[in-house]
Amino acid sequence: MNSSRADACRPGAGLTVRKGILWVVGTLLAAAVALFSYRYVLGIGIVAPLIVDNTQRHPWLVVHVAGAATALLLGPLQFLPRLRARHRAVHRWIGRTYAVSCLVGGAAGLMLALGTSTGRLSTVGFGLLAVIWTLTTAMAWRYALKRNFVEHRRWMIRSFVLTLAAVTLRLYLPVAELLPVPIVDSYRAISFLCWIPNLIAAELYLRATARGSTGTAA
């Protein structure tokens, strides 16, 4: 059996391939949303009606987009094993920039949540996202400083799935347009749906990998 076929037959090889495909798809979606969102920073294009009516749009929209879009672009790079292993200094500096971007984006996101035009429910949904996104990123940074890289990785996963709320939100919006429900009501639901399933999926993944590691060690 040649080496390529042997590698394909290794336990966990299929899982590695699936992870790779998921990383590529997630990275492309994150990059597309980030690059499209930078138009707000550059002042190009039309601002969505629900954002126009946000009472905190000035100046917090530009600040939020600058932080969140940068985090979307940099986040996937932190999950590349070769980058971590071969270019640790690069990994650290990307990580610091990602963390600062999340903290800035989260703080500005909280301000935007307070000014949302779709009511208190949206304020709660997006406000919780901003707070939890900030906290998970701060925890990831804290564990990195303590050189507890196992916990650092776990909190980084939580942080990044919340960063990806920008992607899932935009996946829900076209669906919401097709539903026989007022867009304002859909937006209120999306303020929770764009991040809670992401966080649940991350926790399920972390628990499954923790059980796998325990089983392997035993």
N, C-alpha and C. Protein backbone atom coordinates (compact mmCIF):
# COMPACT_ATOMS: atom_id res chain seq x y z
N MET A 1 0.86 -1.20 0.00
CA MET A 1 0.00 0.00 0.00
C MET A 1 0.89 1.24 0.00
N ASN A 2 0.65 2.19 -0.90
CA ASN A 2 1.49 3.39 -0.94
C ASN A 2 1.14 4.30 0.23
N SER A 3 2.02 5.34 0.43
CA SER A 3 1.88 6.18 1.62
C SER A 3 0.61 7.00 1.61
N SER A 4 0.18 7.48 0.42
CA SER A 4 -1.03 8.30 0.36
C SER A 4 -2.26 7.49 0.73
N ARG A 5 -2.32 6.23 0.23
CA ARG A 5 -3.45 5.39 0.58
C ARG A 5 -3.40 5.00 2.05
N ALA A 6 -2.20 4.81 2.57
CA ALA A 6 -2.05 4.47 3.99
C ALA A 6 -2.51 5.62 4.86
N ASP A 7 -2.16 6.87 4.45
CA ASP A 7 -2.59 8.04 5.22
C ASP A 7 -4.10 8.16 5.22
N ALA A 8 -4.72 7.85 4.07
CA ALA A 8 -6.16 7.96 3.97
C ALA A 8 -6.87 6.93 4.85
N CYS A 9 -6.18 5.81 5.12
CA CYS A 9 -6.77 4.75 5.92
C CYS A 9 -6.51 4.91 7.41
N ARG A 10 -5.72 5.91 7.78
CA ARG A 10 -5.42 6.11 9.18
C ARG A 10 -6.67 6.48 9.96
N PRO A 11 -6.79 6.02 11.25
CA PRO A 11 -7.93 6.45 12.06
C PRO A 11 -7.92 7.97 12.19
N GLY A 12 -9.06 8.59 11.98
CA GLY A 12 -9.15 10.04 12.10
C GLY A 12 -8.83 10.80 10.84
N ALA A 13 -8.40 10.07 9.77
CA ALA A 13 -8.06 10.77 8.52
C ALA A 13 -9.29 11.43 7.91
N GLY A 14 -10.44 10.74 7.96
CA GLY A 14 -11.67 11.32 7.43
C GLY A 14 -12.08 12.56 8.20
N LEU A 15 -11.89 12.52 9.53
CA LEU A 15 -12.22 13.67 10.36
C LEU A 15 -11.33 14.85 10.01
N THR A 16 -10.04 14.58 9.75
CA THR A 16 -9.12 15.64 9.38
C THR A 16 -9.54 16.30 8.07
N VAL A 17 -9.97 15.48 7.10
CA VAL A 17 -10.44 16.01 5.82
C VAL A 17 -11.67 16.88 6.02
N ARG A 18 -12.60 16.42 6.84
CA ARG A 18 -13.82 17.19 7.09
C ARG A 18 -13.49 18.52 7.77
N LYS A 19 -12.55 18.47 8.70
CA LYS A 19 -12.13 19.71 9.36
C LYS A 19 -11.52 20.68 8.35
N GLY A 20 -10.73 20.13 7.43
CA GLY A 20 -10.11 20.97 6.40
C GLY A 20 -11.14 21.62 5.50
N ILE A 21 -12.13 20.85 5.10
CA ILE A 21 -13.19 21.39 4.24
C ILE A 21 -13.98 22.46 5.00
N LEU A 22 -14.29 22.18 6.26
CA LEU A 22 -15.02 23.14 7.08
C LEU A 22 -14.23 24.43 7.24
N TRP A 23 -12.91 24.29 7.42
CA TRP A 23 -12.05 25.48 7.58
C TRP A 23 -12.07 26.32 6.30
N VAL A 24 -11.95 25.68 5.16
CA VAL A 24 -11.93 26.40 3.88
C VAL A 24 -13.26 27.13 3.66
N VAL A 25 -14.37 26.43 3.86
CA VAL A 25 -15.68 27.05 3.65
C VAL A 25 -15.88 28.22 4.62
N GLY A 26 -15.55 27.99 5.89
CA GLY A 26 -15.70 29.04 6.89
C GLY A 26 -14.83 30.24 6.59
N THR A 27 -13.60 29.98 6.15
CA THR A 27 -12.67 31.07 5.83
C THR A 27 -13.17 31.90 4.66
N LEU A 28 -13.68 31.24 3.63
CA LEU A 28 -14.18 31.96 2.46
C LEU A 28 -15.40 32.81 2.82
N LEU A 29 -16.31 32.25 3.61
CA LEU A 29 -17.49 33.01 4.02
C LEU A 29 -17.09 34.19 4.90
N ALA A 30 -16.17 33.95 5.83
CA ALA A 30 -15.73 35.02 6.73
C ALA A 30 -15.06 36.14 5.94
N ALA A 31 -14.21 35.76 4.99
CA ALA A 31 -13.51 36.77 4.18
C ALA A 31 -14.49 37.56 3.34
N ALA A 32 -15.48 36.88 2.76
CA ALA A 32 -16.47 37.57 1.92
C ALA A 32 -17.27 38.59 2.73
N VAL A 33 -17.73 38.17 3.92
CA VAL A 33 -18.49 39.09 4.77
C VAL A 33 -17.62 40.24 5.24
N ALA A 34 -16.37 39.94 5.63
CA ALA A 34 -15.46 40.98 6.11
C ALA A 34 -15.20 42.03 5.04
N LEU A 35 -14.84 41.57 3.85
CA LEU A 35 -14.50 42.50 2.77
C LEU A 35 -15.71 43.33 2.35
N PHE A 36 -16.89 42.69 2.34
CA PHE A 36 -18.11 43.42 1.99
C PHE A 36 -18.46 44.45 3.06
N SER A 37 -18.19 44.10 4.32
CA SER A 37 -18.54 44.99 5.43
C SER A 37 -17.63 46.20 5.51
N TYR A 38 -16.41 46.08 5.03
CA TYR A 38 -15.48 47.22 5.08
C TYR A 38 -16.02 48.43 4.32
N ARG A 39 -17.06 48.22 3.51
CA ARG A 39 -17.62 49.35 2.77
C ARG A 39 -18.15 50.41 3.72
N TYR A 40 -18.59 49.97 4.92
CA TYR A 40 -19.06 50.94 5.90
C TYR A 40 -17.92 51.82 6.41
N VAL A 41 -16.76 51.21 6.56
CA VAL A 41 -15.58 51.96 7.00
C VAL A 41 -15.17 52.96 5.93
N LEU A 42 -15.26 52.54 4.68
CA LEU A 42 -14.86 53.39 3.56
C LEU A 42 -15.95 54.36 3.12
N GLY A 43 -17.16 54.19 3.67
CA GLY A 43 -18.27 55.06 3.29
C GLY A 43 -18.77 54.82 1.88
N ILE A 44 -18.73 53.56 1.45
CA ILE A 44 -19.14 53.19 0.10
C ILE A 44 -20.44 52.38 0.16
N GLY A 45 -21.35 52.67 -0.76
CA GLY A 45 -22.56 51.86 -0.87
C GLY A 45 -23.68 52.33 0.05
N ILE A 46 -24.78 51.59 -0.03
CA ILE A 46 -26.00 51.93 0.71
C ILE A 46 -25.98 51.25 2.08
N VAL A 47 -26.39 51.98 3.10
CA VAL A 47 -26.51 51.41 4.44
C VAL A 47 -27.88 50.77 4.58
N ALA A 48 -27.91 49.54 5.10
CA ALA A 48 -29.17 48.81 5.25
C ALA A 48 -30.16 49.61 6.10
N PRO A 49 -31.47 49.57 5.76
CA PRO A 49 -32.48 50.38 6.47
C PRO A 49 -32.47 50.18 7.98
N LEU A 50 -32.36 48.93 8.44
CA LEU A 50 -32.38 48.68 9.88
C LEU A 50 -31.17 49.30 10.58
N ILE A 51 -30.06 49.44 9.85
CA ILE A 51 -28.86 50.06 10.42
C ILE A 51 -28.96 51.58 10.37
N VAL A 52 -29.57 52.09 9.31
CA VAL A 52 -29.76 53.55 9.19
C VAL A 52 -30.52 54.09 10.40
N ASP A 53 -31.51 53.35 10.87
CA ASP A 53 -32.37 53.80 11.96
C ASP A 53 -31.76 53.59 13.34
N ASN A 54 -30.58 52.99 13.41
CA ASN A 54 -29.93 52.77 14.71
C ASN A 54 -29.47 54.11 15.28
N THR A 55 -29.92 54.42 16.48
CA THR A 55 -29.62 55.73 17.07
C THR A 55 -28.15 55.87 17.47
N GLN A 56 -27.43 54.75 17.54
CA GLN A 56 -26.01 54.79 17.94
C GLN A 56 -25.09 54.56 16.74
N ARG A 57 -25.66 54.71 15.53
CA ARG A 57 -24.87 54.39 14.33
C ARG A 57 -23.61 55.25 14.25
N HIS A 58 -23.71 56.51 14.60
CA HIS A 58 -22.54 57.39 14.60
C HIS A 58 -22.04 57.54 16.03
N PRO A 59 -20.80 57.19 16.35
CA PRO A 59 -19.76 56.71 15.43
C PRO A 59 -19.56 55.20 15.49
N TRP A 60 -20.47 54.47 16.21
CA TRP A 60 -20.15 53.10 16.60
C TRP A 60 -20.19 52.09 15.46
N LEU A 61 -20.94 52.38 14.39
CA LEU A 61 -20.99 51.42 13.29
C LEU A 61 -19.62 51.23 12.66
N VAL A 62 -18.93 52.30 12.36
CA VAL A 62 -17.60 52.21 11.74
C VAL A 62 -16.63 51.49 12.67
N VAL A 63 -16.69 51.81 13.97
CA VAL A 63 -15.79 51.17 14.93
C VAL A 63 -16.07 49.67 15.01
N HIS A 64 -17.36 49.32 15.08
CA HIS A 64 -17.74 47.90 15.16
C HIS A 64 -17.30 47.14 13.92
N VAL A 65 -17.58 47.69 12.75
CA VAL A 65 -17.22 47.02 11.50
C VAL A 65 -15.70 46.86 11.38
N ALA A 66 -14.96 47.89 11.72
CA ALA A 66 -13.50 47.82 11.63
C ALA A 66 -12.97 46.68 12.51
N GLY A 67 -13.49 46.56 13.72
CA GLY A 67 -13.04 45.50 14.61
C GLY A 67 -13.51 44.13 14.18
N ALA A 68 -14.82 44.00 13.92
CA ALA A 68 -15.40 42.69 13.60
C ALA A 68 -14.88 42.15 12.27
N ALA A 69 -14.78 43.01 11.25
CA ALA A 69 -14.31 42.54 9.94
C ALA A 69 -12.86 42.09 10.02
N THR A 70 -12.04 42.82 10.77
CA THR A 70 -10.63 42.43 10.93
C THR A 70 -10.53 41.09 11.66
N ALA A 71 -11.37 40.91 12.68
CA ALA A 71 -11.38 39.64 13.41
C ALA A 71 -11.80 38.49 12.50
N LEU A 72 -12.76 38.74 11.62
CA LEU A 72 -13.20 37.70 10.67
C LEU A 72 -12.06 37.28 9.74
N LEU A 73 -11.27 38.24 9.30
CA LEU A 73 -10.17 37.93 8.39
C LEU A 73 -9.04 37.18 9.09
N LEU A 74 -8.74 37.56 10.32
CA LEU A 74 -7.58 37.00 11.01
C LEU A 74 -7.89 35.71 11.76
N GLY A 75 -9.13 35.57 12.23
CA GLY A 75 -9.47 34.42 13.07
C GLY A 75 -9.12 33.07 12.48
N PRO A 76 -9.47 32.79 11.22
CA PRO A 76 -9.16 31.47 10.66
C PRO A 76 -7.68 31.12 10.66
N LEU A 77 -6.82 32.12 10.53
CA LEU A 77 -5.38 31.87 10.50
C LEU A 77 -4.87 31.27 11.81
N GLN A 78 -5.56 31.57 12.90
CA GLN A 78 -5.11 31.09 14.22
C GLN A 78 -5.36 29.59 14.40
N PHE A 79 -6.12 29.00 13.50
CA PHE A 79 -6.42 27.57 13.61
C PHE A 79 -5.58 26.72 12.65
N LEU A 80 -4.55 27.34 12.06
CA LEU A 80 -3.65 26.60 11.17
C LEU A 80 -2.51 26.00 12.00
N PRO A 81 -2.46 24.67 12.15
CA PRO A 81 -1.42 24.05 12.98
C PRO A 81 0.00 24.39 12.53
N ARG A 82 0.23 24.46 11.22
CA ARG A 82 1.58 24.75 10.74
C ARG A 82 2.04 26.15 11.12
N LEU A 83 1.10 27.09 11.09
CA LEU A 83 1.45 28.46 11.47
C LEU A 83 1.83 28.51 12.94
N ARG A 84 1.07 27.81 13.78
CA ARG A 84 1.38 27.79 15.21
C ARG A 84 2.72 27.13 15.47
N ALA A 85 3.00 26.05 14.75
CA ALA A 85 4.21 25.28 15.01
C ALA A 85 5.47 25.92 14.45
N ARG A 86 5.38 26.49 13.24
CA ARG A 86 6.57 26.97 12.55
C ARG A 86 6.82 28.47 12.68
N HIS A 87 5.74 29.21 12.94
CA HIS A 87 5.88 30.67 12.99
C HIS A 87 5.16 31.19 14.23
N ARG A 88 5.71 30.88 15.38
CA ARG A 88 5.03 31.21 16.63
C ARG A 88 4.88 32.71 16.84
N ALA A 89 5.90 33.46 16.46
CA ALA A 89 5.82 34.92 16.63
C ALA A 89 4.69 35.50 15.78
N VAL A 90 4.55 35.00 14.55
CA VAL A 90 3.47 35.45 13.67
C VAL A 90 2.12 35.08 14.28
N HIS A 91 2.03 33.85 14.79
CA HIS A 91 0.79 33.39 15.42
C HIS A 91 0.43 34.29 16.60
N ARG A 92 1.43 34.65 17.41
CA ARG A 92 1.16 35.50 18.58
C ARG A 92 0.66 36.88 18.16
N TRP A 93 1.32 37.48 17.17
CA TRP A 93 0.94 38.83 16.76
C TRP A 93 -0.42 38.86 16.07
N ILE A 94 -0.70 37.82 15.29
CA ILE A 94 -2.04 37.73 14.70
C ILE A 94 -3.08 37.57 15.81
N GLY A 95 -2.75 36.75 16.79
CA GLY A 95 -3.66 36.54 17.91
C GLY A 95 -3.93 37.81 18.69
N ARG A 96 -2.88 38.60 18.93
CA ARG A 96 -3.08 39.86 19.65
C ARG A 96 -3.96 40.82 18.85
N THR A 97 -3.71 40.89 17.54
CA THR A 97 -4.51 41.77 16.70
C THR A 97 -5.95 41.30 16.64
N TYR A 98 -6.14 39.98 16.55
CA TYR A 98 -7.49 39.42 16.56
C TYR A 98 -8.20 39.77 17.86
N ALA A 99 -7.52 39.58 18.99
CA ALA A 99 -8.15 39.83 20.29
C ALA A 99 -8.54 41.30 20.44
N VAL A 100 -7.64 42.20 20.07
CA VAL A 100 -7.95 43.64 20.16
C VAL A 100 -9.13 43.97 19.25
N SER A 101 -9.14 43.38 18.05
CA SER A 101 -10.25 43.63 17.11
C SER A 101 -11.58 43.16 17.70
N CYS A 102 -11.58 42.00 18.35
CA CYS A 102 -12.80 41.49 18.97
C CYS A 102 -13.25 42.39 20.12
N LEU A 103 -12.31 42.83 20.94
CA LEU A 103 -12.67 43.67 22.08
C LEU A 103 -13.23 45.01 21.62
N VAL A 104 -12.61 45.58 20.60
CA VAL A 104 -13.12 46.84 20.04
C VAL A 104 -14.48 46.62 19.39
N GLY A 105 -14.57 45.56 18.57
CA GLY A 105 -15.83 45.26 17.89
C GLY A 105 -16.94 44.93 18.87
N GLY A 106 -16.61 44.23 19.96
CA GLY A 106 -17.60 43.88 20.96
C GLY A 106 -18.12 45.09 21.71
N ALA A 107 -17.20 45.98 22.12
CA ALA A 107 -17.62 47.19 22.83
C ALA A 107 -18.52 48.06 21.95
N ALA A 108 -18.12 48.23 20.70
CA ALA A 108 -18.94 49.03 19.77
C ALA A 108 -20.25 48.32 19.46
N GLY A 109 -20.20 46.99 19.39
CA GLY A 109 -21.42 46.22 19.14
C GLY A 109 -22.44 46.39 20.26
N LEU A 110 -21.95 46.49 21.49
CA LEU A 110 -22.85 46.71 22.63
C LEU A 110 -23.54 48.07 22.50
N MET A 111 -22.78 49.07 22.09
CA MET A 111 -23.37 50.39 21.89
C MET A 111 -24.43 50.37 20.79
N LEU A 112 -24.14 49.64 19.71
CA LEU A 112 -25.12 49.52 18.62
C LEU A 112 -26.37 48.79 19.09
N ALA A 113 -26.18 47.78 19.94
CA ALA A 113 -27.33 47.03 20.46
C ALA A 113 -28.25 47.95 21.27
N LEU A 114 -27.67 48.90 21.97
CA LEU A 114 -28.48 49.83 22.76
C LEU A 114 -29.28 50.78 21.89
N GLY A 115 -28.83 50.95 20.65
CA GLY A 115 -29.52 51.88 19.75
C GLY A 115 -30.35 51.22 18.68
N THR A 116 -30.53 49.91 18.74
CA THR A 116 -31.26 49.20 17.69
C THR A 116 -32.68 49.72 17.53
N SER A 117 -33.14 49.71 16.30
CA SER A 117 -34.47 50.24 15.99
C SER A 117 -35.56 49.18 16.06
N THR A 118 -35.18 47.93 16.39
CA THR A 118 -36.16 46.84 16.36
C THR A 118 -36.60 46.39 17.75
N GLY A 119 -36.32 47.21 18.75
CA GLY A 119 -36.89 46.94 20.07
C GLY A 119 -35.95 46.29 21.07
N ARG A 120 -36.49 46.12 22.27
CA ARG A 120 -35.70 45.64 23.40
C ARG A 120 -35.20 44.21 23.21
N LEU A 121 -36.00 43.38 22.54
CA LEU A 121 -35.58 41.99 22.34
C LEU A 121 -34.29 41.94 21.52
N SER A 122 -34.20 42.75 20.49
CA SER A 122 -32.97 42.81 19.69
C SER A 122 -31.81 43.37 20.52
N THR A 123 -32.11 44.34 21.37
CA THR A 123 -31.08 44.88 22.25
C THR A 123 -30.50 43.79 23.14
N VAL A 124 -31.38 42.96 23.69
CA VAL A 124 -30.93 41.86 24.55
C VAL A 124 -30.11 40.86 23.75
N GLY A 125 -30.61 40.46 22.57
CA GLY A 125 -29.91 39.46 21.76
C GLY A 125 -28.54 39.91 21.33
N PHE A 126 -28.47 41.08 20.70
CA PHE A 126 -27.18 41.58 20.23
C PHE A 126 -26.31 42.04 21.39
N GLY A 127 -26.94 42.54 22.45
CA GLY A 127 -26.15 42.95 23.62
C GLY A 127 -25.46 41.78 24.29
N LEU A 128 -26.19 40.66 24.45
CA LEU A 128 -25.57 39.46 25.02
C LEU A 128 -24.45 38.95 24.13
N LEU A 129 -24.67 38.97 22.82
CA LEU A 129 -23.61 38.56 21.89
C LEU A 129 -22.35 39.40 22.11
N ALA A 130 -22.50 40.71 22.19
CA ALA A 130 -21.35 41.60 22.36
C ALA A 130 -20.62 41.30 23.66
N VAL A 131 -21.37 41.12 24.74
CA VAL A 131 -20.74 40.87 26.05
C VAL A 131 -20.03 39.52 26.08
N ILE A 132 -20.72 38.46 25.62
CA ILE A 132 -20.13 37.12 25.67
C ILE A 132 -18.95 37.01 24.71
N TRP A 133 -19.05 37.65 23.54
CA TRP A 133 -17.93 37.68 22.59
C TRP A 133 -16.70 38.33 23.23
N THR A 134 -16.91 39.44 23.92
CA THR A 134 -15.81 40.13 24.59
C THR A 134 -15.21 39.26 25.69
N LEU A 135 -16.06 38.62 26.48
CA LEU A 135 -15.58 37.81 27.60
C LEU A 135 -14.81 36.58 27.12
N THR A 136 -15.33 35.89 26.11
CA THR A 136 -14.63 34.69 25.63
C THR A 136 -13.27 35.05 25.04
N THR A 137 -13.20 36.18 24.36
CA THR A 137 -11.92 36.63 23.79
C THR A 137 -10.95 36.99 24.90
N ALA A 138 -11.45 37.68 25.92
CA ALA A 138 -10.59 38.05 27.05
C ALA A 138 -10.07 36.81 27.76
N MET A 139 -10.91 35.80 27.90
CA MET A 139 -10.47 34.55 28.54
C MET A 139 -9.41 33.85 27.69
N ALA A 140 -9.60 33.83 26.38
CA ALA A 140 -8.61 33.22 25.49
C ALA A 140 -7.26 33.92 25.64
N TRP A 141 -7.27 35.23 25.68
CA TRP A 141 -6.04 36.01 25.83
C TRP A 141 -5.40 35.74 27.19
N ARG A 142 -6.24 35.69 28.22
CA ARG A 142 -5.74 35.44 29.57
C ARG A 142 -5.01 34.10 29.66
N TYR A 143 -5.59 33.05 29.10
CA TYR A 143 -4.95 31.74 29.15
C TYR A 143 -3.69 31.69 28.30
N ALA A 144 -3.66 32.46 27.22
CA ALA A 144 -2.43 32.52 26.41
C ALA A 144 -1.31 33.15 27.22
N LEU A 145 -1.61 34.20 27.97
CA LEU A 145 -0.61 34.86 28.80
C LEU A 145 -0.12 33.93 29.91
N LYS A 146 -1.01 33.07 30.40
CA LYS A 146 -0.64 32.10 31.43
C LYS A 146 0.02 30.86 30.84
N ARG A 147 0.12 30.82 29.50
CA ARG A 147 0.73 29.70 28.77
C ARG A 147 -0.03 28.39 29.00
N ASN A 148 -1.30 28.51 29.27
CA ASN A 148 -2.18 27.34 29.35
C ASN A 148 -2.84 27.22 27.97
N PHE A 149 -2.14 26.57 27.05
CA PHE A 149 -2.57 26.59 25.67
C PHE A 149 -3.75 25.68 25.37
N VAL A 150 -4.00 24.71 26.24
CA VAL A 150 -5.18 23.86 26.08
C VAL A 150 -6.45 24.70 26.29
N GLU A 151 -6.48 25.43 27.41
CA GLU A 151 -7.64 26.28 27.68
C GLU A 151 -7.69 27.46 26.72
N HIS A 152 -6.53 27.97 26.34
CA HIS A 152 -6.49 29.06 25.36
C HIS A 152 -7.19 28.65 24.07
N ARG A 153 -6.90 27.45 23.60
CA ARG A 153 -7.51 26.98 22.35
C ARG A 153 -9.02 26.83 22.52
N ARG A 154 -9.47 26.31 23.66
CA ARG A 154 -10.89 26.12 23.89
C ARG A 154 -11.63 27.46 23.88
N TRP A 155 -11.06 28.45 24.52
CA TRP A 155 -11.72 29.76 24.56
C TRP A 155 -11.61 30.48 23.22
N MET A 156 -10.56 30.22 22.47
CA MET A 156 -10.46 30.80 21.13
C MET A 156 -11.54 30.25 20.21
N ILE A 157 -11.85 28.96 20.35
CA ILE A 157 -12.92 28.37 19.55
C ILE A 157 -14.24 29.05 19.88
N ARG A 158 -14.49 29.25 21.18
CA ARG A 158 -15.73 29.94 21.58
C ARG A 158 -15.76 31.36 21.02
N SER A 159 -14.64 32.05 21.13
CA SER A 159 -14.56 33.42 20.62
C SER A 159 -14.83 33.47 19.12
N PHE A 160 -14.22 32.56 18.38
CA PHE A 160 -14.34 32.66 16.92
C PHE A 160 -15.73 32.27 16.42
N VAL A 161 -16.39 31.31 17.09
CA VAL A 161 -17.75 30.99 16.62
C VAL A 161 -18.68 32.18 16.86
N LEU A 162 -18.36 33.00 17.86
CA LEU A 162 -19.15 34.21 18.07
C LEU A 162 -18.77 35.29 17.06
N THR A 163 -17.51 35.34 16.67
CA THR A 163 -17.11 36.22 15.57
C THR A 163 -17.88 35.86 14.31
N LEU A 164 -18.08 34.56 14.11
CA LEU A 164 -18.80 34.08 12.92
C LEU A 164 -20.29 34.40 12.96
N ALA A 165 -20.78 34.99 14.05
CA ALA A 165 -22.17 35.43 14.08
C ALA A 165 -22.44 36.42 12.96
N ALA A 166 -21.41 37.17 12.56
CA ALA A 166 -21.57 38.10 11.43
C ALA A 166 -21.89 37.36 10.15
N VAL A 167 -21.36 36.14 10.02
CA VAL A 167 -21.63 35.32 8.83
C VAL A 167 -23.02 34.69 8.92
N THR A 168 -23.31 34.06 10.06
CA THR A 168 -24.60 33.38 10.18
C THR A 168 -25.76 34.37 10.11
N LEU A 169 -25.57 35.57 10.63
CA LEU A 169 -26.61 36.60 10.52
C LEU A 169 -26.96 36.85 9.06
N ARG A 170 -25.91 36.95 8.23
CA ARG A 170 -26.15 37.24 6.81
C ARG A 170 -26.68 36.04 6.05
N LEU A 171 -26.51 34.85 6.59
CA LEU A 171 -27.12 33.68 5.99
C LEU A 171 -28.61 33.60 6.32
N TYR A 172 -28.97 34.09 7.51
CA TYR A 172 -30.37 34.07 7.92
C TYR A 172 -31.19 35.15 7.21
N LEU A 173 -30.59 36.31 6.95
CA LEU A 173 -31.37 37.43 6.43
C LEU A 173 -32.10 37.13 5.11
N PRO A 174 -31.45 36.49 4.12
CA PRO A 174 -32.19 36.17 2.88
C PRO A 174 -33.35 35.22 3.14
N VAL A 175 -33.16 34.29 4.09
CA VAL A 175 -34.25 33.37 4.43
C VAL A 175 -35.40 34.14 5.07
N ALA A 176 -35.05 35.10 5.94
CA ALA A 176 -36.08 35.89 6.62
C ALA A 176 -36.92 36.68 5.63
N GLU A 177 -36.28 37.12 4.54
CA GLU A 177 -37.01 37.88 3.53
C GLU A 177 -38.09 37.04 2.85
N LEU A 178 -37.90 35.73 2.83
CA LEU A 178 -38.85 34.84 2.16
C LEU A 178 -40.00 34.40 3.07
N LEU A 179 -39.87 34.61 4.35
CA LEU A 179 -40.89 34.16 5.29
C LEU A 179 -42.06 35.13 5.36
N PRO A 180 -43.26 34.60 5.62
CA PRO A 180 -44.45 35.47 5.74
C PRO A 180 -44.51 36.14 7.11
N VAL A 181 -43.39 36.73 7.51
CA VAL A 181 -43.26 37.36 8.82
C VAL A 181 -42.63 38.73 8.60
N PRO A 182 -43.08 39.76 9.30
CA PRO A 182 -42.44 41.08 9.17
C PRO A 182 -40.94 40.99 9.45
N ILE A 183 -40.14 41.69 8.66
CA ILE A 183 -38.70 41.59 8.79
C ILE A 183 -38.22 42.04 10.17
N VAL A 184 -38.97 42.95 10.78
CA VAL A 184 -38.60 43.40 12.13
C VAL A 184 -38.67 42.24 13.12
N ASP A 185 -39.73 41.43 13.02
CA ASP A 185 -39.87 40.28 13.91
C ASP A 185 -38.78 39.24 13.62
N SER A 186 -38.49 39.03 12.34
CA SER A 186 -37.43 38.09 11.99
C SER A 186 -36.08 38.56 12.55
N TYR A 187 -35.84 39.84 12.46
CA TYR A 187 -34.57 40.40 12.93
C TYR A 187 -34.42 40.21 14.44
N ARG A 188 -35.52 40.32 15.16
CA ARG A 188 -35.46 40.09 16.60
C ARG A 188 -35.04 38.65 16.90
N ALA A 189 -35.61 37.71 16.14
CA ALA A 189 -35.22 36.30 16.33
C ALA A 189 -33.77 36.08 15.92
N ILE A 190 -33.35 36.70 14.84
CA ILE A 190 -31.99 36.54 14.35
C ILE A 190 -30.96 37.09 15.33
N SER A 191 -31.37 38.07 16.14
CA SER A 191 -30.43 38.62 17.14
C SER A 191 -29.97 37.56 18.13
N PHE A 192 -30.74 36.49 18.26
CA PHE A 192 -30.34 35.34 19.09
C PHE A 192 -29.83 34.18 18.24
N LEU A 193 -30.53 33.92 17.12
CA LEU A 193 -30.20 32.76 16.29
C LEU A 193 -28.82 32.88 15.63
N CYS A 194 -28.33 34.09 15.43
CA CYS A 194 -27.05 34.25 14.74
C CYS A 194 -25.87 33.80 15.58
N TRP A 195 -26.08 33.61 16.91
CA TRP A 195 -24.92 33.25 17.73
C TRP A 195 -25.15 32.09 18.71
N ILE A 196 -26.38 31.91 19.19
CA ILE A 196 -26.60 30.84 20.17
C ILE A 196 -26.33 29.45 19.58
N PRO A 197 -26.85 29.12 18.37
CA PRO A 197 -26.51 27.81 17.79
C PRO A 197 -25.00 27.65 17.56
N ASN A 198 -24.32 28.71 17.18
CA ASN A 198 -22.86 28.65 17.00
C ASN A 198 -22.18 28.23 18.29
N LEU A 199 -22.59 28.87 19.39
CA LEU A 199 -21.96 28.59 20.68
C LEU A 199 -22.30 27.18 21.16
N ILE A 200 -23.53 26.74 20.92
CA ILE A 200 -23.91 25.37 21.28
C ILE A 200 -23.08 24.36 20.50
N ALA A 201 -22.92 24.60 19.19
CA ALA A 201 -22.11 23.70 18.36
C ALA A 201 -20.67 23.65 18.86
N ALA A 202 -20.12 24.79 19.25
CA ALA A 202 -18.75 24.83 19.76
C ALA A 202 -18.63 24.02 21.05
N GLU A 203 -19.61 24.16 21.95
CA GLU A 203 -19.56 23.42 23.21
C GLU A 203 -19.69 21.92 22.99
N LEU A 204 -20.55 21.52 22.06
CA LEU A 204 -20.67 20.10 21.74
C LEU A 204 -19.36 19.56 21.17
N TYR A 205 -18.74 20.34 20.30
CA TYR A 205 -17.46 19.94 19.72
C TYR A 205 -16.39 19.82 20.81
N LEU A 206 -16.32 20.78 21.70
CA LEU A 206 -15.31 20.77 22.76
C LEU A 206 -15.51 19.58 23.70
N ARG A 207 -16.76 19.27 24.00
CA ARG A 207 -17.02 18.11 24.87
C ARG A 207 -16.66 16.81 24.17
N ALA A 208 -16.98 16.72 22.88
CA ALA A 208 -16.66 15.50 22.13
C ALA A 208 -15.16 15.29 22.02
N THR A 209 -14.43 16.36 21.74
CA THR A 209 -12.97 16.22 21.64
C THR A 209 -12.33 15.96 22.97
N ALA A 210 -12.93 16.49 24.05
CA ALA A 210 -12.40 16.23 25.38
C ALA A 210 -12.57 14.76 25.74
N ARG A 211 -13.74 14.18 25.38
CA ARG A 211 -13.97 12.75 25.64
C ARG A 211 -13.02 11.90 24.80
N GLY A 212 -12.78 12.34 23.55
CA GLY A 212 -11.86 11.59 22.68
C GLY A 212 -10.47 11.60 23.23
N SER A 213 -10.03 12.74 23.75
CA SER A 213 -8.68 12.84 24.32
C SER A 213 -8.54 11.96 25.55
N THR A 214 -9.60 11.95 26.37
CA THR A 214 -9.58 11.12 27.58
C THR A 214 -9.51 9.65 27.22
N GLY A 215 -10.31 9.27 26.20
CA GLY A 215 -10.31 7.88 25.77
C GLY A 215 -8.97 7.45 25.22
N THR A 216 -8.32 8.36 24.46
CA THR A 216 -7.01 8.04 23.90
C THR A 216 -5.97 7.89 24.97
N ALA A 217 -6.02 8.82 25.97
CA ALA A 217 -5.05 8.79 27.05
C ALA A 217 -5.19 7.54 27.87
N ALA A 218 -6.46 7.09 28.06
CA ALA A 218 -6.69 5.89 28.86
C ALA A 218 -6.20 4.65 28.13
